[in-house]
Protein backbone atom coordinates (compact mmCIF):
# COMPACT_ATOMS: atom_id res chain seq x y z
CA VAL A 1 136.50 128.45 -163.24
CA GLN A 2 133.83 126.57 -161.32
CA LEU A 3 133.75 126.28 -157.55
CA GLN A 4 132.01 123.55 -155.58
CA ALA A 5 131.75 124.05 -151.84
CA SER A 6 130.71 121.53 -149.24
CA GLY A 7 130.68 120.98 -145.50
CA GLY A 8 128.11 123.42 -144.21
CA GLY A 9 125.43 122.47 -141.74
CA LEU A 10 124.07 122.91 -138.26
CA VAL A 11 126.45 122.92 -135.32
CA GLN A 12 126.14 123.83 -131.66
CA PRO A 13 127.94 126.82 -130.16
CA GLY A 14 131.51 125.87 -129.33
CA GLY A 15 131.53 123.19 -131.98
CA SER A 16 133.64 122.74 -135.09
CA LEU A 17 133.05 122.40 -138.78
CA ARG A 18 135.20 122.10 -141.88
CA LEU A 19 134.34 123.57 -145.25
CA SER A 20 135.90 122.45 -148.51
CA CYS A 21 135.88 124.04 -151.94
CA VAL A 22 137.15 122.49 -155.14
CA ALA A 23 138.04 124.63 -158.13
CA SER A 24 137.81 123.23 -161.63
CA GLY A 25 138.21 124.50 -165.15
CA SER A 26 140.95 126.78 -166.41
CA ILE A 27 143.12 127.13 -163.32
CA PHE A 28 146.08 129.47 -163.42
CA SER A 29 148.68 128.38 -160.90
CA ILE A 30 149.06 131.84 -159.35
CA ASN A 31 145.84 132.56 -157.53
CA VAL A 32 144.17 133.33 -154.24
CA MET A 33 141.40 131.17 -152.82
CA GLY A 34 139.30 132.04 -149.88
CA TRP A 35 136.06 132.27 -148.02
CA TYR A 36 133.64 135.09 -147.48
CA ARG A 37 130.38 135.03 -145.59
CA GLN A 38 127.09 136.86 -145.62
CA ALA A 39 124.62 136.89 -142.77
CA PRO A 40 120.98 137.86 -143.38
CA GLY A 41 120.66 141.60 -143.91
CA LYS A 42 124.40 142.16 -143.85
CA GLN A 43 127.14 142.69 -146.41
CA ARG A 44 129.48 139.97 -147.54
CA ASP A 45 132.60 139.98 -145.40
CA LEU A 46 136.03 138.44 -145.59
CA VAL A 47 136.57 135.27 -143.59
CA ALA A 48 139.97 134.15 -144.81
CA THR A 49 142.10 133.91 -147.94
CA ILE A 50 145.19 131.94 -148.89
CA SER A 51 147.45 132.50 -151.85
CA SER A 52 148.95 129.78 -153.98
CA SER A 53 152.23 130.48 -152.17
CA GLY A 54 150.57 129.94 -148.79
CA ARG A 55 150.16 133.49 -147.56
CA THR A 56 147.03 133.79 -145.40
CA ASN A 57 144.76 136.63 -144.39
CA TYR A 58 141.94 136.48 -141.85
CA GLY A 59 139.03 138.64 -140.92
CA ASP A 60 139.34 140.06 -137.41
CA SER A 61 136.30 138.22 -136.08
CA VAL A 62 137.68 134.76 -136.88
CA LYS A 63 141.36 135.14 -136.01
CA GLY A 64 142.48 132.42 -133.63
CA ARG A 65 139.39 130.30 -134.27
CA PHE A 66 139.42 129.56 -138.00
CA THR A 67 142.23 128.11 -140.08
CA ILE A 68 142.44 128.20 -143.85
CA SER A 69 144.56 125.77 -145.81
CA ARG A 70 144.83 124.49 -149.35
CA ASP A 71 145.98 121.59 -151.46
CA ASN A 72 147.32 123.00 -154.72
CA ALA A 73 147.50 119.58 -156.36
CA LYS A 74 143.75 119.18 -155.80
CA ASN A 75 142.83 122.84 -156.39
CA THR A 76 141.03 122.67 -153.07
CA VAL A 77 140.76 125.12 -150.20
CA TYR A 78 139.66 124.21 -146.70
CA LEU A 79 138.32 126.21 -143.79
CA ARG A 80 138.54 124.69 -140.35
CA MET A 81 136.18 126.50 -137.99
CA ASN A 82 136.56 125.97 -134.27
CA SER A 83 134.83 127.53 -131.26
CA LEU A 84 131.89 128.47 -133.41
CA LYS A 85 129.55 131.19 -132.19
CA PRO A 86 125.96 132.02 -133.14
CA GLU A 87 127.27 135.13 -134.87
CA ASP A 88 129.20 132.90 -137.27
CA THR A 89 125.87 131.88 -138.77
CA ALA A 90 125.93 132.86 -142.43
CA VAL A 91 126.14 131.64 -145.97
CA TYR A 92 129.79 130.96 -146.69
CA TYR A 93 131.02 131.60 -150.21
CA CYS A 94 134.12 130.18 -151.78
CA ASN A 95 136.14 132.63 -153.85
CA PHE A 96 138.84 132.18 -156.48
CA PHE A 97 140.84 135.17 -157.69
CA SER A 98 143.35 135.05 -160.50
CA ARG A 99 144.53 137.33 -163.32
CA GLY A 100 142.17 140.08 -162.23
CA MET A 101 139.09 137.86 -162.27
CA ASP A 102 136.84 136.92 -159.35
CA TYR A 103 134.88 133.67 -159.29
CA TRP A 104 132.31 132.70 -156.70
CA GLY A 105 130.76 129.45 -155.59
CA LYS A 106 127.06 129.12 -154.78
CA GLY A 107 127.56 129.24 -151.04
CA THR A 108 127.03 126.81 -148.22
CA LEU A 109 124.96 127.58 -145.14
CA VAL A 110 126.52 127.37 -141.69
CA THR A 111 124.12 127.61 -138.77
CA VAL A 112 125.42 127.82 -135.22
CA SER A 113 122.61 127.21 -132.80
CA SER A 114 121.69 125.12 -129.80
C-alpha cells in the first residue's frame, strides 16, 4: 500500500487547512485510515482515525476543531483543520492500517504562524 498526502502549508492562527491522502496498491476493504502528527522533538501522536465503516476517533487536542472523513470509492481520507493554533505545527503523517499491517505516508508539513 502506498500513501500520497497533500495539502500542508503555512497558515495563520485561527485559519483552516485541509489535508488529503490517497491510498493505492493492494487495498483490503476493511481498514482504518488516519492522521498522526509529530512536532520537532516530540513523539508522534494521534490526530484522528476513521474506519472503513465510518467510525471516528480523535486526539484530545483536536476534538471540536478537526474533522476526519473518507471516500471509500477513492481510497482517500481527508482532514479538515479549523481554528488552527501554533501548537498544531507539525509534520502530519497519513496512516493506513489493515490486516495487522501499518503503512505510512511521507508526511506533509503544517505550519501555523503569523
